[in-house]
Each structure stands twice: as structure tokens, then as C-alpha cells.
Amino acid sequence: MLACRFSALFAAAISKFQLCYINLILKCRIHKFFKKRGIYGDKHAAP
């Protein structure tokens, strides 16, 4: 019973972590994409 509950908790934690990780990668990719396009305007502006 305890092992079953633990594995369910573990699976939930992993899926949450994966979501955060994917979100982080997407944000980073989008940021790099816009930076390359120069949409942020001034090249001397803060990253």
C-alpha cells in the first residue's frame, strides 16, 4: 500500500518536473529566437 502511494507521488513529481523543464527550454528557445531576430530593439540593451 505504502509503495503504491509512493510510486504515485513519485510519478506526479516527475511529471511536474518534466513540465517545468520543458517550459524552461521553450522560454530559452523563444528568447534566443527573438534575440537573433533583433526584436528587442537596441543591441546594447540588457539581455
N, C-alpha and C. Protein backbone atom coordinates (compact mmCIF):
# COMPACT_ATOMS: atom_id res chain seq x y z
N MET A 1 0.83 -1.20 0.00
CA MET A 1 0.00 0.00 0.00
C MET A 1 0.88 1.26 0.00
N LEU A 2 1.87 1.26 0.90
CA LEU A 2 2.75 2.41 1.01
C LEU A 2 3.58 2.59 -0.26
N ALA A 3 4.04 1.47 -0.80
CA ALA A 3 4.85 1.52 -2.02
C ALA A 3 4.03 2.06 -3.19
N CYS A 4 2.77 1.67 -3.24
CA CYS A 4 1.88 2.13 -4.30
C CYS A 4 1.70 3.64 -4.21
N ARG A 5 1.48 4.12 -3.00
CA ARG A 5 1.28 5.55 -2.79
C ARG A 5 2.55 6.32 -3.14
N PHE A 6 3.68 5.74 -2.75
CA PHE A 6 4.97 6.38 -3.00
C PHE A 6 5.23 6.49 -4.50
N SER A 7 4.96 5.41 -5.23
CA SER A 7 5.20 5.42 -6.67
C SER A 7 4.30 6.44 -7.37
N ALA A 8 3.08 6.59 -6.87
CA ALA A 8 2.16 7.57 -7.45
C ALA A 8 2.68 8.98 -7.19
N LEU A 9 3.16 9.22 -5.98
CA LEU A 9 3.73 10.52 -5.63
C LEU A 9 4.95 10.81 -6.49
N PHE A 10 5.78 9.79 -6.66
CA PHE A 10 7.00 9.91 -7.45
C PHE A 10 6.67 10.25 -8.90
N ALA A 11 5.67 9.56 -9.45
CA ALA A 11 5.25 9.81 -10.83
C ALA A 11 4.74 11.24 -10.99
N ALA A 12 3.98 11.71 -10.00
CA ALA A 12 3.45 13.07 -10.05
C ALA A 12 4.58 14.09 -10.01
N ALA A 13 5.57 13.82 -9.15
CA ALA A 13 6.71 14.73 -9.03
C ALA A 13 7.50 14.78 -10.33
N ILE A 14 7.68 13.62 -10.95
CA ILE A 14 8.43 13.56 -12.22
C ILE A 14 7.69 14.32 -13.32
N SER A 15 6.38 14.14 -13.42
CA SER A 15 5.63 14.82 -14.46
C SER A 15 5.67 16.33 -14.25
N LYS A 16 5.62 16.75 -12.98
CA LYS A 16 5.68 18.18 -12.66
C LYS A 16 7.04 18.73 -13.07
N PHE A 17 8.09 17.98 -12.76
CA PHE A 17 9.45 18.39 -13.10
C PHE A 17 9.61 18.48 -14.61
N GLN A 18 9.07 17.50 -15.33
CA GLN A 18 9.16 17.50 -16.79
C GLN A 18 8.48 18.73 -17.37
N LEU A 19 7.32 19.08 -16.84
CA LEU A 19 6.60 20.26 -17.31
C LEU A 19 7.44 21.51 -17.12
N CYS A 20 8.02 21.65 -15.93
CA CYS A 20 8.86 22.81 -15.64
C CYS A 20 10.05 22.85 -16.58
N TYR A 21 10.67 21.70 -16.80
CA TYR A 21 11.86 21.60 -17.64
C TYR A 21 11.53 21.98 -19.09
N ILE A 22 10.43 21.44 -19.60
CA ILE A 22 10.01 21.74 -20.97
C ILE A 22 9.70 23.22 -21.11
N ASN A 23 9.02 23.78 -20.10
CA ASN A 23 8.68 25.19 -20.10
C ASN A 23 9.93 26.04 -20.15
N LEU A 24 10.93 25.65 -19.36
CA LEU A 24 12.19 26.39 -19.30
C LEU A 24 12.89 26.36 -20.65
N ILE A 25 12.94 25.19 -21.27
CA ILE A 25 13.59 25.04 -22.58
C ILE A 25 12.88 25.89 -23.63
N LEU A 26 11.55 25.85 -23.62
CA LEU A 26 10.78 26.64 -24.57
C LEU A 26 11.06 28.12 -24.40
N LYS A 27 11.04 28.60 -23.15
CA LYS A 27 11.30 30.01 -22.88
C LYS A 27 12.68 30.41 -23.38
N CYS A 28 13.66 29.55 -23.13
CA CYS A 28 15.03 29.82 -23.55
C CYS A 28 15.12 29.88 -25.07
N ARG A 29 14.48 28.93 -25.75
CA ARG A 29 14.50 28.89 -27.21
C ARG A 29 13.84 30.13 -27.80
N ILE A 30 12.68 30.50 -27.24
CA ILE A 30 11.94 31.66 -27.73
C ILE A 30 12.77 32.93 -27.52
N HIS A 31 13.41 33.03 -26.35
CA HIS A 31 14.24 34.19 -26.03
C HIS A 31 15.39 34.31 -27.04
N LYS A 32 16.05 33.18 -27.31
CA LYS A 32 17.17 33.18 -28.25
C LYS A 32 16.68 33.54 -29.65
N PHE A 33 15.52 33.03 -30.02
CA PHE A 33 14.95 33.29 -31.33
C PHE A 33 14.70 34.78 -31.52
N PHE A 34 14.06 35.40 -30.51
CA PHE A 34 13.77 36.82 -30.60
C PHE A 34 15.05 37.64 -30.58
N LYS A 35 16.02 37.19 -29.79
CA LYS A 35 17.29 37.92 -29.69
C LYS A 35 17.98 37.91 -31.06
N LYS A 36 17.91 36.76 -31.74
CA LYS A 36 18.52 36.64 -33.06
C LYS A 36 17.83 37.55 -34.06
N ARG A 37 16.51 37.65 -33.93
CA ARG A 37 15.72 38.47 -34.85
C ARG A 37 15.91 39.96 -34.56
N GLY A 38 16.40 40.27 -33.35
CA GLY A 38 16.61 41.67 -33.00
C GLY A 38 15.32 42.40 -32.69
N ILE A 39 14.32 41.66 -32.20
CA ILE A 39 13.03 42.27 -31.89
C ILE A 39 13.12 43.11 -30.61
N TYR A 40 14.14 42.78 -29.78
CA TYR A 40 14.28 43.53 -28.53
C TYR A 40 14.75 44.96 -28.78
N GLY A 41 15.02 45.28 -30.03
CA GLY A 41 15.40 46.65 -30.35
C GLY A 41 16.89 46.89 -30.21
N ASP A 42 17.26 47.76 -29.28
CA ASP A 42 18.65 48.17 -29.12
C ASP A 42 19.56 46.99 -28.82
N LYS A 43 20.67 46.92 -29.56
CA LYS A 43 21.61 45.82 -29.36
C LYS A 43 22.36 45.95 -28.03
N HIS A 44 22.41 47.16 -27.49
CA HIS A 44 23.13 47.39 -26.24
C HIS A 44 22.22 47.24 -25.02
N ALA A 45 20.98 46.89 -25.26
CA ALA A 45 20.04 46.71 -24.15
C ALA A 45 20.42 45.47 -23.34
N ALA A 46 19.89 45.41 -22.13
CA ALA A 46 20.19 44.28 -21.25
C ALA A 46 19.60 42.99 -21.83
N PRO A 47 20.29 41.88 -21.63
CA PRO A 47 19.80 40.59 -22.14
C PRO A 47 18.60 40.11 -21.34
